[in-house]
Amino acid sequence: MSDMEAAPSLTGRLLVATPVLTDPNFARSVVLLLDHDPQGALGVVLNRPTPVDVAAVLDGWAPLAGDPAVLFQGGPVALDSALAVAVVPGEDHHDAPLGWRRVHGAIGLVDLEAPPEVLAGVLGGMRVFAGYSGWSPGQLEDEIAEGAWHLVDCEAGDLSCTRPDRLWREVLRRQRGPLAMLATYPDDPLLN
């Protein structure tokens, strides 16, 4: 592909791990892509809650965090850093609220250096992630081509799913055709 024919950005889409992806960081994971361009990709795993309460690590942000109000492990990179993603409901995101930067549609990044009260009442759902998932140039495209990931559309509710343990199956179940059947794939096919 020439430089003139850049691949479309996958920002805002979901990566759903296929059953063949057994890396413990990503097995049965659902990853929201926050950035994708020729320099690589960055995302967060939406269905890896930790037992750590948001209140224990970020003063004032717990009331804005969705249920469960815990840190999520966003991926294996930079686990000692926090990244917050939130939905701002409404149609017009041209006048983004202070402390929130649109990534795709109603989904955006939250500036955790801003006072939480600035965003109180504005956010429709927020998750705080310890770390993130990252891919070097071409790496994600290769993994998709090798069958490690299914690429599907994100729905705003995916970010604030109250049962993250069910998100992998729920995202697959709403797809059309053969992907919906994968939702019934057993955790251990040898026990089937």
Protein backbone atom coordinates (compact mmCIF):
# COMPACT_ATOMS: atom_id res chain seq x y z
CA MET A 1 0.00 0.00 0.00
CA SER A 2 1.46 3.37 -0.94
CA ASP A 3 1.56 6.37 1.38
CA MET A 4 -1.27 7.86 -0.68
CA GLU A 5 -3.50 4.90 0.16
CA ALA A 6 -3.44 5.02 3.95
CA ALA A 7 -5.55 2.37 5.67
CA PRO A 8 -8.66 3.69 7.38
CA SER A 9 -8.28 4.46 11.06
CA LEU A 10 -9.70 1.88 13.45
CA THR A 11 -10.01 4.44 16.26
CA GLY A 12 -13.25 3.95 18.18
CA ARG A 13 -13.69 0.32 17.12
CA LEU A 14 -13.50 -2.77 19.31
CA LEU A 15 -11.04 -5.61 19.07
CA VAL A 16 -12.61 -8.83 20.32
CA ALA A 17 -10.12 -11.60 21.04
CA THR A 18 -10.73 -14.78 19.06
CA PRO A 19 -10.62 -18.08 20.97
CA VAL A 20 -7.19 -18.80 19.45
CA LEU A 21 -5.68 -15.78 21.25
CA THR A 22 -4.39 -17.37 24.44
CA ASP A 23 -1.97 -14.66 25.63
CA PRO A 24 -3.15 -14.14 29.25
CA ASN A 25 -3.12 -10.36 28.75
CA PHE A 26 -5.70 -10.63 25.99
CA ALA A 27 -7.55 -13.98 26.23
CA ARG A 28 -11.31 -13.27 25.95
CA SER A 29 -10.62 -9.54 26.01
CA VAL A 30 -12.51 -6.65 24.45
CA VAL A 31 -10.23 -3.73 23.58
CA LEU A 32 -11.44 -0.22 22.74
CA LEU A 33 -9.06 1.39 20.25
CA LEU A 34 -8.36 4.97 21.35
CA ASP A 35 -5.84 5.74 18.63
CA HIS A 36 -4.84 4.07 15.36
CA ASP A 37 -2.66 5.58 12.68
CA PRO A 38 0.47 4.68 10.66
CA GLN A 39 2.58 5.01 13.85
CA GLY A 40 0.68 2.19 15.59
CA ALA A 41 -2.32 1.70 17.84
CA LEU A 42 -3.32 2.25 21.46
CA GLY A 43 -6.31 0.89 23.31
CA VAL A 44 -7.67 -0.25 26.66
CA VAL A 45 -9.08 -3.61 27.72
CA LEU A 46 -12.69 -3.01 28.78
CA ASN A 47 -13.28 -6.27 30.65
CA ARG A 48 -10.40 -6.64 33.13
CA PRO A 49 -11.55 -5.11 36.44
CA THR A 50 -9.08 -5.15 39.33
CA PRO A 51 -10.01 -5.30 43.03
CA VAL A 52 -8.61 -1.76 43.53
CA ASP A 53 -11.22 0.96 44.12
CA VAL A 54 -10.84 4.19 42.14
CA ALA A 55 -11.19 6.07 45.45
CA ALA A 56 -8.02 4.38 46.72
CA VAL A 57 -5.85 5.85 43.96
CA LEU A 58 -7.57 8.96 42.58
CA ASP A 59 -8.97 11.43 45.05
CA GLY A 60 -12.37 12.81 44.04
CA TRP A 61 -12.90 10.72 40.89
CA ALA A 62 -14.74 7.71 42.39
CA PRO A 63 -18.22 9.34 42.25
CA LEU A 64 -17.76 9.83 38.48
CA ALA A 65 -16.58 6.27 37.82
CA GLY A 66 -19.08 3.78 36.49
CA ASP A 67 -20.22 0.67 38.34
CA PRO A 68 -18.05 -1.13 39.33
CA ALA A 69 -15.99 1.88 40.51
CA VAL A 70 -12.68 0.01 40.35
CA LEU A 71 -9.54 0.36 38.30
CA PHE A 72 -9.48 -1.72 35.14
CA GLN A 73 -6.28 -3.20 33.75
CA GLY A 74 -6.10 -1.45 30.39
CA GLY A 75 -3.28 -3.63 29.15
CA PRO A 76 0.23 -4.75 29.89
CA VAL A 77 1.95 -1.40 29.13
CA ALA A 78 2.62 1.29 31.81
CA LEU A 79 0.63 -0.36 34.59
CA ASP A 80 1.75 2.37 37.00
CA SER A 81 -0.11 5.08 35.06
CA ALA A 82 -3.81 5.92 34.98
CA LEU A 83 -5.91 6.72 31.91
CA ALA A 84 -9.60 7.64 32.09
CA VAL A 85 -12.12 7.24 29.27
CA ALA A 86 -15.67 8.56 29.45
CA VAL A 87 -18.82 9.03 27.43
CA VAL A 88 -20.34 12.49 27.13
CA PRO A 89 -23.97 12.03 26.12
CA GLY A 90 -25.55 14.25 23.52
CA GLU A 91 -25.26 14.87 19.83
CA ASP A 92 -22.99 17.93 19.70
CA HIS A 93 -19.39 17.32 20.76
CA HIS A 94 -17.97 20.41 19.05
CA ASP A 95 -18.13 22.23 22.39
CA ALA A 96 -16.40 19.53 24.41
CA PRO A 97 -16.50 20.06 28.16
CA LEU A 98 -13.32 21.27 29.82
CA GLY A 99 -11.24 18.25 30.87
CA TRP A 100 -12.58 15.90 28.16
CA ARG A 101 -11.14 15.32 24.66
CA ARG A 102 -13.19 13.50 22.05
CA VAL A 103 -11.64 10.33 20.66
CA HIS A 104 -14.54 8.98 18.62
CA GLY A 105 -18.25 9.80 18.72
CA ALA A 106 -19.34 10.31 22.32
CA ILE A 107 -16.20 8.60 23.72
CA GLY A 108 -13.25 10.66 24.91
CA LEU A 109 -10.29 10.90 27.22
CA VAL A 110 -10.60 12.55 30.63
CA ASP A 111 -7.86 14.82 31.94
CA LEU A 112 -7.24 13.42 35.42
CA GLU A 113 -5.30 16.60 36.28
CA ALA A 114 -8.55 18.62 35.97
CA PRO A 115 -10.73 19.07 39.06
CA PRO A 116 -13.33 16.26 39.06
CA GLU A 117 -16.13 18.71 39.90
CA VAL A 118 -15.64 20.32 36.45
CA LEU A 119 -16.94 17.12 34.84
CA ALA A 120 -19.51 16.17 37.48
CA GLY A 121 -22.93 15.96 35.84
CA VAL A 122 -21.40 15.95 32.32
CA LEU A 123 -20.03 12.42 32.03
CA GLY A 124 -22.41 9.60 31.17
CA GLY A 125 -19.98 6.90 32.19
CA MET A 126 -16.28 6.79 33.07
CA ARG A 127 -13.70 4.06 33.48
CA VAL A 128 -10.22 4.45 34.90
CA PHE A 129 -7.55 2.15 33.50
CA ALA A 130 -4.18 1.17 34.91
CA GLY A 131 -2.01 0.86 31.84
CA TYR A 132 -2.92 0.40 28.21
CA SER A 133 -2.45 -1.89 25.22
CA GLY A 134 -0.14 -0.79 22.44
CA TRP A 135 0.89 -1.98 18.99
CA SER A 136 3.81 -0.84 16.84
CA PRO A 137 3.27 0.16 13.18
CA GLY A 138 1.63 -2.72 11.28
CA GLN A 139 1.55 -5.05 14.30
CA LEU A 140 -2.19 -4.81 14.93
CA GLU A 141 -3.01 -5.22 11.25
CA ASP A 142 -0.85 -8.37 11.20
CA GLU A 143 -2.60 -9.76 14.30
CA ILE A 144 -6.02 -9.13 12.72
CA ALA A 145 -4.90 -10.81 9.47
CA GLU A 146 -3.59 -13.80 11.48
CA GLY A 147 -7.02 -14.25 13.09
CA ALA A 148 -6.22 -13.11 16.64
CA TRP A 149 -8.88 -10.38 16.69
CA HIS A 150 -12.35 -9.66 15.36
CA LEU A 151 -12.90 -6.00 14.55
CA VAL A 152 -16.42 -4.79 15.43
CA ASP A 153 -18.26 -1.54 16.09
CA CYS A 154 -18.32 -0.11 19.59
CA GLU A 155 -21.51 0.93 21.34
CA ALA A 156 -21.34 3.66 23.98
CA GLY A 157 -22.61 1.23 26.66
CA ASP A 158 -19.63 -1.07 26.15
CA LEU A 159 -17.40 1.32 28.07
CA SER A 160 -19.63 1.37 31.16
CA CYS A 161 -20.85 -2.24 31.09
CA THR A 162 -21.78 -3.14 34.69
CA ARG A 163 -20.92 -6.82 34.13
CA PRO A 164 -17.47 -6.72 32.48
CA ASP A 165 -17.16 -10.49 32.94
CA ARG A 166 -19.95 -10.88 30.34
CA LEU A 167 -18.77 -8.24 27.85
CA TRP A 168 -16.86 -10.62 25.53
CA ARG A 169 -19.92 -12.81 25.03
CA GLU A 170 -22.33 -9.84 24.80
CA VAL A 171 -20.31 -8.07 22.10
CA LEU A 172 -20.07 -11.27 20.06
CA ARG A 173 -23.74 -12.13 20.57
CA ARG A 174 -24.92 -8.86 19.01
CA GLN A 175 -22.91 -9.46 15.81
CA ARG A 176 -24.49 -10.93 12.71
CA GLY A 177 -23.63 -14.30 11.22
CA PRO A 178 -20.88 -16.64 12.43
CA LEU A 179 -19.46 -14.18 14.97
CA ALA A 180 -22.62 -14.44 17.07
CA MET A 181 -22.03 -18.20 17.35
CA LEU A 182 -18.62 -17.59 18.95
CA ALA A 183 -20.42 -16.19 22.00
CA THR A 184 -21.21 -19.80 22.93
CA TYR A 185 -17.59 -20.95 22.63
CA PRO A 186 -16.69 -22.81 25.85
CA ASP A 187 -14.04 -21.42 28.18
CA ASP A 188 -12.14 -24.73 27.84
CA PRO A 189 -13.05 -26.60 24.64
CA LEU A 190 -11.43 -29.76 26.04
CA LEU A 191 -14.17 -29.94 28.68
CA ASN A 192 -16.94 -29.65 26.09
